[in-house]
PDB file of N, CA and C in Angstrom:
ATOM      1  N   MET A   1       0.923  -1.203   0.017  1.00  0.00           N
ATOM      2  CA  MET A   1      -0.001   0.054   0.001  1.00  0.00           C
ATOM      3  C   MET A   1       0.900   1.236   0.021  1.00  0.00           C
ATOM      4  N   ASP A   2       0.614   2.202  -0.930  1.00  0.00           N
ATOM      5  CA  ASP A   2       1.463   3.388  -0.937  1.00  0.00           C
ATOM      6  C   ASP A   2       1.092   4.328   0.209  1.00  0.00           C
ATOM      7  N   THR A   3       1.955   5.258   0.388  1.00  0.00           N
ATOM      8  CA  THR A   3       1.811   6.131   1.670  1.00  0.00           C
ATOM      9  C   THR A   3       0.548   6.885   1.655  1.00  0.00           C
ATOM     10  N   GLU A   4       0.081   7.360   0.483  1.00  0.00           N
ATOM     11  CA  GLU A   4      -1.192   8.131   0.504  1.00  0.00           C
ATOM     12  C   GLU A   4      -2.377   7.241   0.837  1.00  0.00           C
ATOM     13  N   ASN A   5      -2.389   6.013   0.297  1.00  0.00           N
ATOM     14  CA  ASN A   5      -3.493   5.090   0.630  1.00  0.00           C
ATOM     15  C   ASN A   5      -3.333   4.682   2.069  1.00  0.00           C
ATOM     16  N   LEU A   6      -2.208   4.376   2.631  1.00  0.00           N
ATOM     17  CA  LEU A   6      -2.067   4.042   4.007  1.00  0.00           C
ATOM     18  C   LEU A   6      -2.560   5.197   4.898  1.00  0.00           C
ATOM     19  N   GLU A   7      -2.277   6.419   4.571  1.00  0.00           N
ATOM     20  CA  GLU A   7      -2.743   7.537   5.430  1.00  0.00           C
ATOM     21  C   GLU A   7      -4.261   7.577   5.344  1.00  0.00           C
ATOM     22  N   GLN A   8      -4.778   7.369   4.172  1.00  0.00           N
ATOM     23  CA  GLN A   8      -6.316   7.407   4.077  1.00  0.00           C
ATOM     24  C   GLN A   8      -6.948   6.317   4.892  1.00  0.00           C
ATOM     25  N   THR A   9      -6.323   5.151   4.893  1.00  0.00           N
ATOM     26  CA  THR A   9      -6.838   3.985   5.610  1.00  0.00           C
ATOM     27  C   THR A   9      -6.699   4.221   7.075  1.00  0.00           C
ATOM     28  N   ILE A  10      -5.626   4.773   7.510  1.00  0.00           N
ATOM     29  CA  ILE A  10      -5.450   5.145   8.937  1.00  0.00           C
ATOM     30  C   ILE A  10      -6.524   6.260   9.375  1.00  0.00           C
ATOM     31  N   MET A  11      -6.674   7.214   8.559  1.00  0.00           N
ATOM     32  CA  MET A  11      -7.651   8.213   8.843  1.00  0.00           C
ATOM     33  C   MET A  11      -9.087   7.643   8.925  1.00  0.00           C
ATOM     34  N   GLY A  12      -9.357   6.635   8.102  1.00  0.00           N
ATOM     35  CA  GLY A  12     -10.656   5.938   8.147  1.00  0.00           C
ATOM     36  C   GLY A  12     -10.861   5.223   9.484  1.00  0.00           C
ATOM     37  N   LEU A  13      -9.771   4.687   9.997  1.00  0.00           N
ATOM     38  CA  LEU A  13      -9.887   4.064  11.376  1.00  0.00           C
ATOM     39  C   LEU A  13     -10.091   5.122  12.391  1.00  0.00           C
ATOM     40  N   ILE A  14      -9.446   6.270  12.340  1.00  0.00           N
ATOM     41  CA  ILE A  14      -9.624   7.312  13.327  1.00  0.00           C
ATOM     42  C   ILE A  14     -11.024   7.911  13.298  1.00  0.00           C
ATOM     43  N   VAL A  15     -11.381   8.334  12.089  1.00  0.00           N
ATOM     44  CA  VAL A  15     -12.662   8.966  11.963  1.00  0.00           C
ATOM     45  C   VAL A  15     -13.898   8.013  12.297  1.00  0.00           C
ATOM     46  N   ASN A  16     -13.828   6.881  11.861  1.00  0.00           N
ATOM     47  CA  ASN A  16     -14.968   5.882  12.127  1.00  0.00           C
ATOM     48  C   ASN A  16     -14.948   5.426  13.492  1.00  0.00           C
ATOM     49  N   GLY A  17     -13.767   5.147  14.081  1.00  0.00           N
ATOM     50  CA  GLY A  17     -13.683   4.823  15.513  1.00  0.00           C
ATOM     51  C   GLY A  17     -14.221   5.900  16.387  1.00  0.00           C
ATOM     52  N   GLY A  18     -13.841   7.133  16.140  1.00  0.00           N
ATOM     53  CA  GLY A  18     -14.385   8.311  16.852  1.00  0.00           C
ATOM     54  C   GLY A  18     -15.880   8.550  16.702  1.00  0.00           C
ATOM     55  N   ASN A  19     -16.392   8.304  15.417  1.00  0.00           N
ATOM     56  CA  ASN A  19     -17.832   8.427  15.200  1.00  0.00           C
ATOM     57  C   ASN A  19     -18.548   7.360  16.003  1.00  0.00           C
ATOM     58  N   ALA A  20     -18.012   6.158  16.074  1.00  0.00           N
ATOM     59  CA  ALA A  20     -18.722   5.075  16.778  1.00  0.00           C
ATOM     60  C   ALA A  20     -18.772   5.486  18.273  1.00  0.00           C
ATOM     61  N   LYS A  21     -17.763   5.977  18.859  1.00  0.00           N
ATOM     62  CA  LYS A  21     -17.658   6.409  20.207  1.00  0.00           C
ATOM     63  C   LYS A  21     -18.716   7.464  20.445  1.00  0.00           C
ATOM     64  N   SER A  22     -18.678   8.508  19.544  1.00  0.00           N
ATOM     65  CA  SER A  22     -19.693   9.629  19.739  1.00  0.00           C
ATOM     66  C   SER A  22     -21.100   9.207  19.695  1.00  0.00           C
ATOM     67  N   ASN A  23     -21.391   8.312  18.698  1.00  0.00           N
ATOM     68  CA  ASN A  23     -22.768   7.791  18.612  1.00  0.00           C
ATOM     69  C   ASN A  23     -23.123   6.978  19.815  1.00  0.00           C
ATOM     70  N   ALA A  24     -22.213   6.241  20.334  1.00  0.00           N
ATOM     71  CA  ALA A  24     -22.469   5.463  21.581  1.00  0.00           C
ATOM     72  C   ALA A  24     -22.900   6.295  22.751  1.00  0.00           C
ATOM     73  N   MET A  25     -22.090   7.361  22.930  1.00  0.00           N
ATOM     74  CA  MET A  25     -22.416   8.349  24.004  1.00  0.00           C
ATOM     75  C   MET A  25     -23.768   8.975  23.781  1.00  0.00           C
ATOM     76  N   LEU A  26     -24.049   9.380  22.514  1.00  0.00           N
ATOM     77  CA  LEU A  26     -25.418   9.908  22.238  1.00  0.00           C
ATOM     78  C   LEU A  26     -26.460   8.901  22.560  1.00  0.00           C
ATOM     79  N   ALA A  27     -26.269   7.667  22.332  1.00  0.00           N
ATOM     80  CA  ALA A  27     -27.200   6.534  22.676  1.00  0.00           C
ATOM     81  C   ALA A  27     -27.472   6.572  24.127  1.00  0.00           C
ATOM     82  N   ILE A  28     -26.398   6.618  24.956  1.00  0.00           N
ATOM     83  CA  ILE A  28     -26.644   6.605  26.360  1.00  0.00           C
ATOM     84  C   ILE A  28     -27.396   7.880  26.835  1.00  0.00           C
ATOM     85  N   GLN A  29     -27.071   9.023  26.285  1.00  0.00           N
ATOM     86  CA  GLN A  29     -27.855  10.260  26.600  1.00  0.00           C
ATOM     87  C   GLN A  29     -29.261  10.113  26.250  1.00  0.00           C
ATOM     88  N   ALA A  30     -29.622   9.660  25.082  1.00  0.00           N
ATOM     89  CA  ALA A  30     -30.993   9.430  24.735  1.00  0.00           C
ATOM     90  C   ALA A  30     -31.702   8.468  25.639  1.00  0.00           C
ATOM     91  N   ALA A  31     -31.092   7.447  25.937  1.00  0.00           N
ATOM     92  CA  ALA A  31     -31.708   6.322  26.813  1.00  0.00           C
ATOM     93  C   ALA A  31     -31.917   7.042  28.271  1.00  0.00           C
ATOM     94  N   LYS A  32     -31.003   7.864  28.646  1.00  0.00           N
ATOM     95  CA  LYS A  32     -31.120   8.510  29.961  1.00  0.00           C
ATOM     96  C   LYS A  32     -32.416   9.344  29.984  1.00  0.00           C
ATOM     97  N   GLU A  33     -32.703   9.948  28.823  1.00  0.00           N
ATOM     98  CA  GLU A  33     -33.880  10.782  28.670  1.00  0.00           C
ATOM     99  C   GLU A  33     -35.128  10.004  28.395  1.00  0.00           C
ATOM    100  N   GLY A  34     -35.037   8.663  28.298  1.00  0.00           N
ATOM    101  CA  GLY A  34     -36.130   7.824  27.959  1.00  0.00           C
ATOM    102  C   GLY A  34     -36.455   7.658  26.508  1.00  0.00           C
ATOM    103  N   ASN A  35     -35.616   8.231  25.635  1.00  0.00           N
ATOM    104  CA  ASN A  35     -35.897   8.139  24.253  1.00  0.00           C
ATOM    105  C   ASN A  35     -35.167   6.959  23.621  1.00  0.00           C
ATOM    106  N   PHE A  36     -35.771   5.806  23.726  1.00  0.00           N
ATOM    107  CA  PHE A  36     -35.087   4.520  23.371  1.00  0.00           C
ATOM    108  C   PHE A  36     -35.065   4.365  21.835  1.00  0.00           C
ATOM    109  N   GLU A  37     -36.079   4.913  21.109  1.00  0.00           N
ATOM    110  CA  GLU A  37     -35.992   4.845  19.626  1.00  0.00           C
ATOM    111  C   GLU A  37     -34.699   5.573  19.079  1.00  0.00           C
ATOM    112  N   GLU A  38     -34.571   6.694  19.670  1.00  0.00           N
ATOM    113  CA  GLU A  38     -33.330   7.515  19.325  1.00  0.00           C
ATOM    114  C   GLU A  38     -32.030   6.787  19.707  1.00  0.00           C
ATOM    115  N   ALA A  39     -32.036   6.228  20.905  1.00  0.00           N
ATOM    116  CA  ALA A  39     -30.933   5.500  21.454  1.00  0.00           C
ATOM    117  C   ALA A  39     -30.573   4.329  20.502  1.00  0.00           C
ATOM    118  N   ASP A  40     -31.595   3.630  19.977  1.00  0.00           N
ATOM    119  CA  ASP A  40     -31.346   2.531  19.132  1.00  0.00           C
ATOM    120  C   ASP A  40     -30.802   2.966  17.837  1.00  0.00           C
ATOM    121  N   LYS A  41     -31.260   4.106  17.340  1.00  0.00           N
ATOM    122  CA  LYS A  41     -30.727   4.685  16.076  1.00  0.00           C
ATOM    123  C   LYS A  41     -29.253   5.059  16.156  1.00  0.00           C
ATOM    124  N   TYR A  42     -28.908   5.642  17.380  1.00  0.00           N
ATOM    125  CA  TYR A  42     -27.522   5.920  17.626  1.00  0.00           C
ATOM    126  C   TYR A  42     -26.611   4.645  17.660  1.00  0.00           C
ATOM    127  N   LEU A  43     -27.120   3.657  18.254  1.00  0.00           N
ATOM    128  CA  LEU A  43     -26.423   2.441  18.346  1.00  0.00           C
ATOM    129  C   LEU A  43     -26.196   1.856  16.928  1.00  0.00           C
ATOM    130  N   GLU A  44     -27.252   1.946  16.091  1.00  0.00           N
ATOM    131  CA  GLU A  44     -27.163   1.489  14.754  1.00  0.00           C
ATOM    132  C   GLU A  44     -26.030   2.251  13.981  1.00  0.00           C
ATOM    133  N   GLU A  45     -25.980   3.602  14.221  1.00  0.00           N
ATOM    134  CA  GLU A  45     -25.014   4.478  13.571  1.00  0.00           C
ATOM    135  C   GLU A  45     -23.582   4.107  14.124  1.00  0.00           C
ATOM    136  N   ALA A  46     -23.537   3.738  15.327  1.00  0.00           N
ATOM    137  CA  ALA A  46     -22.208   3.340  15.925  1.00  0.00           C
ATOM    138  C   ALA A  46     -21.752   2.056  15.196  1.00  0.00           C
ATOM    139  N   ASP A  47     -22.689   1.088  15.088  1.00  0.00           N
ATOM    140  CA  ASP A  47     -22.345  -0.096  14.363  1.00  0.00           C
ATOM    141  C   ASP A  47     -21.955   0.097  12.924  1.00  0.00           C
ATOM    142  N   LYS A  48     -22.580   1.025  12.184  1.00  0.00           N
ATOM    143  CA  LYS A  48     -22.085   1.284  10.822  1.00  0.00           C
ATOM    144  C   LYS A  48     -20.731   1.944  10.770  1.00  0.00           C
ATOM    145  N   ALA A  49     -20.477   2.757  11.694  1.00  0.00           N
ATOM    146  CA  ALA A  49     -19.104   3.412  11.756  1.00  0.00           C
ATOM    147  C   ALA A  49     -18.060   2.273  12.032  1.00  0.00           C
ATOM    148  N   LEU A  50     -18.412   1.397  12.939  1.00  0.00           N
ATOM    149  CA  LEU A  50     -17.447   0.375  13.249  1.00  0.00           C
ATOM    150  C   LEU A  50     -17.275  -0.625  12.044  1.00  0.00           C
ATOM    151  N   LEU A  51     -18.261  -0.822  11.280  1.00  0.00           N
ATOM    152  CA  LEU A  51     -18.089  -1.630  10.136  1.00  0.00           C
ATOM    153  C   LEU A  51     -17.160  -0.979   9.124  1.00  0.00           C
ATOM    154  N   GLU A  52     -17.365   0.274   8.911  1.00  0.00           N
ATOM    155  CA  GLU A  52     -16.424   1.051   7.979  1.00  0.00           C
ATOM    156  C   GLU A  52     -15.031   0.972   8.588  1.00  0.00           C
ATOM    157  N   ALA A  53     -14.837   1.139   9.791  1.00  0.00           N
ATOM    158  CA  ALA A  53     -13.456   1.042  10.356  1.00  0.00           C
ATOM    159  C   ALA A  53     -12.926  -0.279  10.209  1.00  0.00           C
ATOM    160  N   HIS A  54     -13.794  -1.291  10.346  1.00  0.00           N
ATOM    161  CA  HIS A  54     -13.340  -2.722  10.158  1.00  0.00           C
ATOM    162  C   HIS A  54     -12.872  -2.875   8.766  1.00  0.00           C
ATOM    163  N   HIS A  55     -13.524  -2.236   7.754  1.00  0.00           N
ATOM    164  CA  HIS A  55     -12.991  -2.411   6.443  1.00  0.00           C
ATOM    165  C   HIS A  55     -11.711  -1.806   6.215  1.00  0.00           C
ATOM    166  N   SER A  56     -11.444  -0.749   6.868  1.00  0.00           N
ATOM    167  CA  SER A  56     -10.120  -0.089   6.786  1.00  0.00           C
ATOM    168  C   SER A  56      -9.016  -1.035   7.455  1.00  0.00           C
ATOM    169  N   GLN A  57      -9.338  -1.516   8.562  1.00  0.00           N
ATOM    170  CA  GLN A  57      -8.443  -2.499   9.227  1.00  0.00           C
ATOM    171  C   GLN A  57      -8.200  -3.686   8.488  1.00  0.00           C
ATOM    172  N   THR A  58      -9.256  -4.220   7.801  1.00  0.00           N
ATOM    173  CA  THR A  58      -9.147  -5.416   6.977  1.00  0.00           C
ATOM    174  C   THR A  58      -8.207  -5.191   5.853  1.00  0.00           C
ATOM    175  N   ALA A  59      -8.302  -4.027   5.185  1.00  0.00           N
ATOM    176  CA  ALA A  59      -7.333  -3.710   4.133  1.00  0.00           C
ATOM    177  C   ALA A  59      -5.855  -3.748   4.556  1.00  0.00           C
ATOM    178  N   LEU A  60      -5.603  -3.233   5.806  1.00  0.00           N
ATOM    179  CA  LEU A  60      -4.266  -3.314   6.254  1.00  0.00           C
ATOM    180  C   LEU A  60      -3.796  -4.849   6.563  1.00  0.00           C
ATOM    181  N   ILE A  61      -4.728  -5.604   7.135  1.00  0.00           N
ATOM    182  CA  ILE A  61      -4.430  -7.016   7.425  1.00  0.00           C
ATOM    183  C   ILE A  61      -4.205  -7.770   6.085  1.00  0.00           C
ATOM    184  N   GLN A  62      -5.049  -7.538   5.093  1.00  0.00           N
ATOM    185  CA  GLN A  62      -4.874  -8.194   3.915  1.00  0.00           C
ATOM    186  C   GLN A  62      -3.550  -7.908   3.245  1.00  0.00           C
ATOM    187  N   GLY A  63      -3.185  -6.645   3.246  1.00  0.00           N
ATOM    188  CA  GLY A  63      -1.840  -6.288   2.773  1.00  0.00           C
ATOM    189  C   GLY A  63      -0.741  -7.008   3.409  1.00  0.00           C
ATOM    190  N   GLU A  64      -0.856  -7.083   4.723  1.00  0.00           N
ATOM    191  CA  GLU A  64       0.151  -7.893   5.510  1.00  0.00           C
ATOM    192  C   GLU A  64       0.208  -9.325   5.017  1.00  0.00           C
ATOM    193  N   ALA A  65      -0.973  -9.852   4.759  1.00  0.00           N
ATOM    194  CA  ALA A  65      -1.065 -11.290   4.374  1.00  0.00           C
ATOM    195  C   ALA A  65      -0.418 -11.458   2.957  1.00  0.00           C
ATOM    196  N   ARG A  66      -0.496 -10.500   2.216  1.00  0.00           N
ATOM    197  CA  ARG A  66       0.220 -10.471   0.846  1.00  0.00           C
ATOM    198  C   ARG A  66       1.672 -10.200   0.924  1.00  0.00           C
ATOM    199  N   GLY A  67       2.176  -9.983   2.085  1.00  0.00           N
ATOM    200  CA  GLY A  67       3.537  -9.712   2.193  1.00  0.00           C
ATOM    201  C   GLY A  67       3.999  -8.287   2.188  1.00  0.00           C
ATOM    202  N   GLU A  68       2.988  -7.435   2.090  1.00  0.00           N
ATOM    203  CA  GLU A  68       3.267  -5.938   2.141  1.00  0.00           C
ATOM    204  C   GLU A  68       3.443  -5.499   3.585  1.00  0.00           C
ATOM    205  N   LYS A  69       4.608  -4.888   3.845  1.00  0.00           N
ATOM    206  CA  LYS A  69       4.904  -4.527   5.205  1.00  0.00           C
ATOM    207  C   LYS A  69       4.311  -3.082   5.438  1.00  0.00           C
ATOM    208  N   THR A  70       3.503  -3.075   6.526  1.00  0.00           N
ATOM    209  CA  THR A  70       2.892  -1.833   6.928  1.00  0.00           C
ATOM    210  C   THR A  70       3.760  -1.141   8.009  1.00  0.00           C
ATOM    211  N   PRO A  71       4.313  -0.014   7.751  1.00  0.00           N
ATOM    212  CA  PRO A  71       5.141   0.669   8.798  1.00  0.00           C
ATOM    213  C   PRO A  71       4.298   1.065  10.007  1.00  0.00           C
ATOM    214  N   VAL A  72       4.711   0.620  11.145  1.00  0.00           N
ATOM    215  CA  VAL A  72       3.943   0.949  12.377  1.00  0.00           C
ATOM    216  C   VAL A  72       4.373   2.363  12.842  1.00  0.00           C
ATOM    217  N   SER A  73       3.454   3.248  12.822  1.00  0.00           N
ATOM    218  CA  SER A  73       3.710   4.651  13.189  1.00  0.00           C
ATOM    219  C   SER A  73       2.911   4.976  14.417  1.00  0.00           C
ATOM    220  N   LEU A  74       3.155   6.144  15.009  1.00  0.00           N
ATOM    221  CA  LEU A  74       2.293   6.617  16.082  1.00  0.00           C
ATOM    222  C   LEU A  74       0.939   6.832  15.571  1.00  0.00           C
ATOM    223  N   LEU A  75       0.757   7.342  14.382  1.00  0.00           N
ATOM    224  CA  LEU A  75      -0.558   7.597  13.861  1.00  0.00           C
ATOM    225  C   LEU A  75      -1.296   6.233  13.691  1.00  0.00           C
ATOM    226  N   LEU A  76      -0.728   5.151  13.331  1.00  0.00           N
ATOM    227  CA  LEU A  76      -1.432   3.812  13.133  1.00  0.00           C
ATOM    228  C   LEU A  76      -1.791   3.374  14.543  1.00  0.00           C
ATOM    229  N   VAL A  77      -0.923   3.498  15.486  1.00  0.00           N
ATOM    230  CA  VAL A  77      -1.214   3.107  16.775  1.00  0.00           C
ATOM    231  C   VAL A  77      -2.400   3.904  17.408  1.00  0.00           C
ATOM    232  N   HIS A  78      -2.439   5.155  17.134  1.00  0.00           N
ATOM    233  CA  HIS A  78      -3.474   6.080  17.512  1.00  0.00           C
ATOM    234  C   HIS A  78      -4.838   5.592  16.869  1.00  0.00           C
ATOM    235  N   ALA A  79      -4.729   5.254  15.631  1.00  0.00           N
ATOM    236  CA  ALA A  79      -5.925   4.847  14.842  1.00  0.00           C
ATOM    237  C   ALA A  79      -6.460   3.538  15.537  1.00  0.00           C
ATOM    238  N   GLN A  80      -5.602   2.609  15.850  1.00  0.00           N
ATOM    239  CA  GLN A  80      -6.044   1.319  16.477  1.00  0.00           C
ATOM    240  C   GLN A  80      -6.696   1.651  17.871  1.00  0.00           C
ATOM    241  N   ASP A  81      -6.173   2.671  18.582  1.00  0.00           N
ATOM    242  CA  ASP A  81      -6.759   3.069  19.876  1.00  0.00           C
ATOM    243  C   ASP A  81      -8.173   3.543  19.611  1.00  0.00           C
ATOM    244  N   HIS A  82      -8.358   4.400  18.635  1.00  0.00           N
ATOM    245  CA  HIS A  82      -9.676   4.895  18.421  1.00  0.00           C
ATOM    246  C   HIS A  82     -10.628   3.798  17.982  1.00  0.00           C
ATOM    247  N   LEU A  83     -10.233   2.826  17.226  1.00  0.00           N
ATOM    248  CA  LEU A  83     -11.096   1.711  16.909  1.00  0.00           C
ATOM    249  C   LEU A  83     -11.458   0.937  18.166  1.00  0.00           C
ATOM    250  N   MET A  84     -10.432   0.573  18.896  1.00  0.00           N
ATOM    251  CA  MET A  84     -10.745  -0.189  20.208  1.00  0.00           C
ATOM    252  C   MET A  84     -11.722   0.551  21.105  1.00  0.00           C
ATOM    253  N   ASN A  85     -11.437   1.903  21.249  1.00  0.00           N
ATOM    254  CA  ASN A  85     -12.276   2.653  22.123  1.00  0.00           C
ATOM    255  C   ASN A  85     -13.760   2.747  21.604  1.00  0.00           C
ATOM    256  N   GLY A  86     -13.859   2.864  20.276  1.00  0.00           N
ATOM    257  CA  GLY A  86     -15.143   2.780  19.664  1.00  0.00           C
ATOM    258  C   GLY A  86     -15.915   1.564  19.924  1.00  0.00           C
ATOM    259  N   ILE A  87     -15.186   0.419  19.717  1.00  0.00           N
ATOM    260  CA  ILE A  87     -15.829  -0.926  20.076  1.00  0.00           C
ATOM    261  C   ILE A  87     -16.261  -1.007  21.560  1.00  0.00           C
ATOM    262  N   THR A  88     -15.359  -0.634  22.339  1.00  0.00           N
ATOM    263  CA  THR A  88     -15.655  -0.749  23.858  1.00  0.00           C
ATOM    264  C   THR A  88     -16.795   0.184  24.300  1.00  0.00           C
ATOM    265  N   PHE A  89     -16.829   1.413  23.787  1.00  0.00           N
ATOM    266  CA  PHE A  89     -17.872   2.297  24.149  1.00  0.00           C
ATOM    267  C   PHE A  89     -19.196   1.758  23.573  1.00  0.00           C
ATOM    268  N   LYS A  90     -19.249   1.258  22.371  1.00  0.00           N
ATOM    269  CA  LYS A  90     -20.495   0.835  21.737  1.00  0.00           C
ATOM    270  C   LYS A  90     -20.963  -0.346  22.497  1.00  0.00           C
ATOM    271  N   ASP A  91     -20.157  -1.325  22.950  1.00  0.00           N
ATOM    272  CA  ASP A  91     -20.633  -2.434  23.726  1.00  0.00           C
ATOM    273  C   ASP A  91     -21.167  -2.023  25.015  1.00  0.00           C
ATOM    274  N   LEU A  92     -20.408  -1.091  25.796  1.00  0.00           N
ATOM    275  CA  LEU A  92     -20.924  -0.643  27.042  1.00  0.00           C
ATOM    276  C   LEU A  92     -22.193   0.204  26.873  1.00  0.00           C
ATOM    277  N   ALA A  93     -22.301   1.017  25.813  1.00  0.00           N
ATOM    278  CA  ALA A  93     -23.475   1.817  25.610  1.00  0.00           C
ATOM    279  C   ALA A  93     -24.729   0.902  25.385  1.00  0.00           C
ATOM    280  N   LYS A  94     -24.549  -0.142  24.750  1.00  0.00           N
ATOM    281  CA  LYS A  94     -25.663  -1.116  24.388  1.00  0.00           C
ATOM    282  C   LYS A  94     -26.164  -1.681  25.771  1.00  0.00           C
ATOM    283  N   GLU A  95     -25.284  -2.001  26.663  1.00  0.00           N
ATOM    284  CA  GLU A  95     -25.681  -2.418  28.028  1.00  0.00           C
ATOM    285  C   GLU A  95     -26.332  -1.456  28.812  1.00  0.00           C
ATOM    286  N   ILE A  96     -25.805  -0.230  28.800  1.00  0.00           N
ATOM    287  CA  ILE A  96     -26.425   0.901  29.559  1.00  0.00           C
ATOM    288  C   ILE A  96     -27.800   1.249  29.054  1.00  0.00           C
ATOM    289  N   VAL A  97     -27.973   1.273  27.700  1.00  0.00           N
ATOM    290  CA  VAL A  97     -29.272   1.545  27.143  1.00  0.00           C
ATOM    291  C   VAL A  97     -30.282   0.486  27.639  1.00  0.00           C
ATOM    292  N   GLU A  98     -29.872  -0.760  27.657  1.00  0.00           N
ATOM    293  CA  GLU A  98     -30.723  -1.825  28.159  1.00  0.00           C
ATOM    294  C   GLU A  98     -31.067  -1.647  29.639  1.00  0.00           C
ATOM    295  N   LEU A  99     -30.113  -1.165  30.369  1.00  0.00           N
ATOM    296  CA  LEU A  99     -30.417  -0.975  31.838  1.00  0.00           C
ATOM    297  C   LEU A  99     -31.437   0.104  31.941  1.00  0.00           C
ATOM    298  N   TYR A 100     -31.310   1.290  31.203  1.00  0.00           N
ATOM    299  CA  TYR A 100     -32.242   2.261  31.256  1.00  0.00           C
ATOM    300  C   TYR A 100     -33.654   1.843  30.745  1.00  0.00           C
ATOM    301  N   ARG A 101     -33.612   0.943  29.782  1.00  0.00           N
ATOM    302  CA  ARG A 101     -34.878   0.437  29.165  1.00  0.00           C
ATOM    303  C   ARG A 101     -35.730  -0.322  30.187  1.00  0.00           C
ATOM    304  N   VAL A 102     -35.101  -1.065  31.026  1.00  0.00           N
ATOM    305  CA  VAL A 102     -35.804  -1.953  31.982  1.00  0.00           C
ATOM    306  C   VAL A 102     -36.123  -1.310  33.327  1.00  0.00           C
ATOM    307  N   ARG A 103     -35.706  -0.073  33.485  1.00  0.00           N
ATOM    308  CA  ARG A 103     -35.882   0.668  34.706  1.00  0.00           C
ATOM    309  C   ARG A 103     -37.408   0.861  34.926  1.00  0.00           C
TER     310      ARG A 103
END
């Protein structure tokens, strides 16, 4: 993968991971207000963002599998952090929304 495509892929991880986290937080806030339809929509948006991030990550993994070496940079590590935070927040938000729902 050339440098420009690598940077775009990394930015895809950062943006989509961040969007997933933001939507997960919005889902919690909506559930806290009793708006579960909105909370569910935010969780769906978080899932969509994570799917897009997963596509970016898969592109990197497939490149490695083809023997293409991906330089590990601080930006790439940062991107992986965003993805993992997005996944964690979405999983926790789903549980928190359910807790509010059964109150």
